[in-house]
Amino acid sequence: MHLQAQLALYLAQYQHSVGEDVKMLLNMPVEGSRKLNGVIDSVEGEFISIKLQDKTVSVAIDNVRKANIIGKI
């Protein structure tokens, strides 16, 4: 799959999961950490906003190494 098409698919999945809990492992640290646990706040362009306990951070889609959406039961 072409890289841009793959990134667009990932962004669509994140957009669909706004409000869900997420665990992310990043390639490069954001706010001093490569591991983030929070709630997907929004998706704008190629950036995902993650609401952490005390702040909201913006992560570029190409900085995400691995992410798990944690569905609510």
Protein backbone atom coordinates (compact mmCIF):
# COMPACT_ATOMS: atom_id res chain seq x y z
CA MET A 1 0.00 0.00 0.00
CA HIS A 2 1.27 3.46 -0.83
CA LEU A 3 2.55 5.30 2.29
CA GLN A 4 0.18 8.29 1.91
CA ALA A 5 -2.82 5.98 1.49
CA GLN A 6 -1.76 4.01 4.56
CA LEU A 7 -1.40 7.21 6.63
CA ALA A 8 -4.83 8.38 5.46
CA LEU A 9 -6.32 5.07 6.60
CA TYR A 10 -4.67 5.40 10.02
CA LEU A 11 -5.94 8.98 10.38
CA ALA A 12 -9.48 7.83 9.51
CA GLN A 13 -9.24 5.16 12.21
CA TYR A 14 -8.12 7.74 14.78
CA GLN A 15 -10.91 10.13 13.70
CA HIS A 16 -13.43 7.34 14.20
CA SER A 17 -11.97 6.70 17.69
CA VAL A 18 -12.14 10.28 19.06
CA GLY A 19 -13.06 10.03 22.75
CA GLU A 20 -11.53 6.56 23.15
CA ASP A 21 -8.61 5.67 25.40
CA VAL A 22 -5.32 5.02 23.61
CA LYS A 23 -1.84 3.74 24.45
CA MET A 24 0.89 4.95 22.08
CA LEU A 25 4.54 4.18 21.59
CA LEU A 26 6.30 6.94 19.65
CA ASN A 27 9.42 6.98 17.49
CA MET A 28 10.58 10.30 18.97
CA PRO A 29 9.64 11.70 22.40
CA VAL A 30 6.84 14.25 22.78
CA GLU A 31 6.94 16.28 26.01
CA GLY A 32 9.86 14.07 27.12
CA SER A 33 8.12 10.71 26.73
CA ARG A 34 7.90 8.02 24.07
CA LYS A 35 4.95 6.33 25.82
CA LEU A 36 1.59 8.07 26.01
CA ASN A 37 -1.61 6.93 27.72
CA GLY A 38 -4.60 9.18 27.23
CA VAL A 39 -7.77 9.92 25.29
CA ILE A 40 -7.92 10.80 21.60
CA ASP A 41 -9.13 14.41 21.66
CA SER A 42 -9.12 15.31 17.95
CA VAL A 43 -7.52 14.68 14.57
CA GLU A 44 -6.44 17.65 12.44
CA GLY A 45 -4.44 17.23 9.27
CA GLU A 46 -1.71 14.71 10.04
CA PHE A 47 -1.76 15.37 13.79
CA ILE A 48 -3.58 13.57 16.59
CA SER A 49 -4.32 15.42 19.84
CA ILE A 50 -4.07 13.20 22.90
CA LYS A 51 -5.54 14.38 26.20
CA LEU A 52 -3.25 13.22 29.01
CA GLN A 53 -3.99 13.57 32.73
CA ASP A 54 -2.67 17.13 33.02
CA LYS A 55 -2.27 18.41 29.43
CA THR A 56 -3.04 17.82 25.77
CA VAL A 57 -0.25 16.96 23.33
CA SER A 58 -0.18 16.85 19.54
CA VAL A 59 1.46 13.86 17.85
CA ALA A 60 2.33 13.61 14.15
CA ILE A 61 0.95 10.43 12.60
CA ASP A 62 4.39 9.50 11.26
CA ASN A 63 5.78 9.64 14.83
CA VAL A 64 3.50 6.81 15.98
CA ARG A 65 5.35 3.49 16.14
CA LYS A 66 2.48 1.54 17.72
CA ALA A 67 -0.94 2.44 19.09
CA ASN A 68 -3.67 0.47 20.79
CA ILE A 69 -7.21 1.84 21.02
CA ILE A 70 -8.74 0.62 24.26
CA GLY A 71 -12.44 0.09 23.67
CA LYS A 72 -14.95 0.55 26.46
CA ILE A 73 -17.01 -2.44 27.54
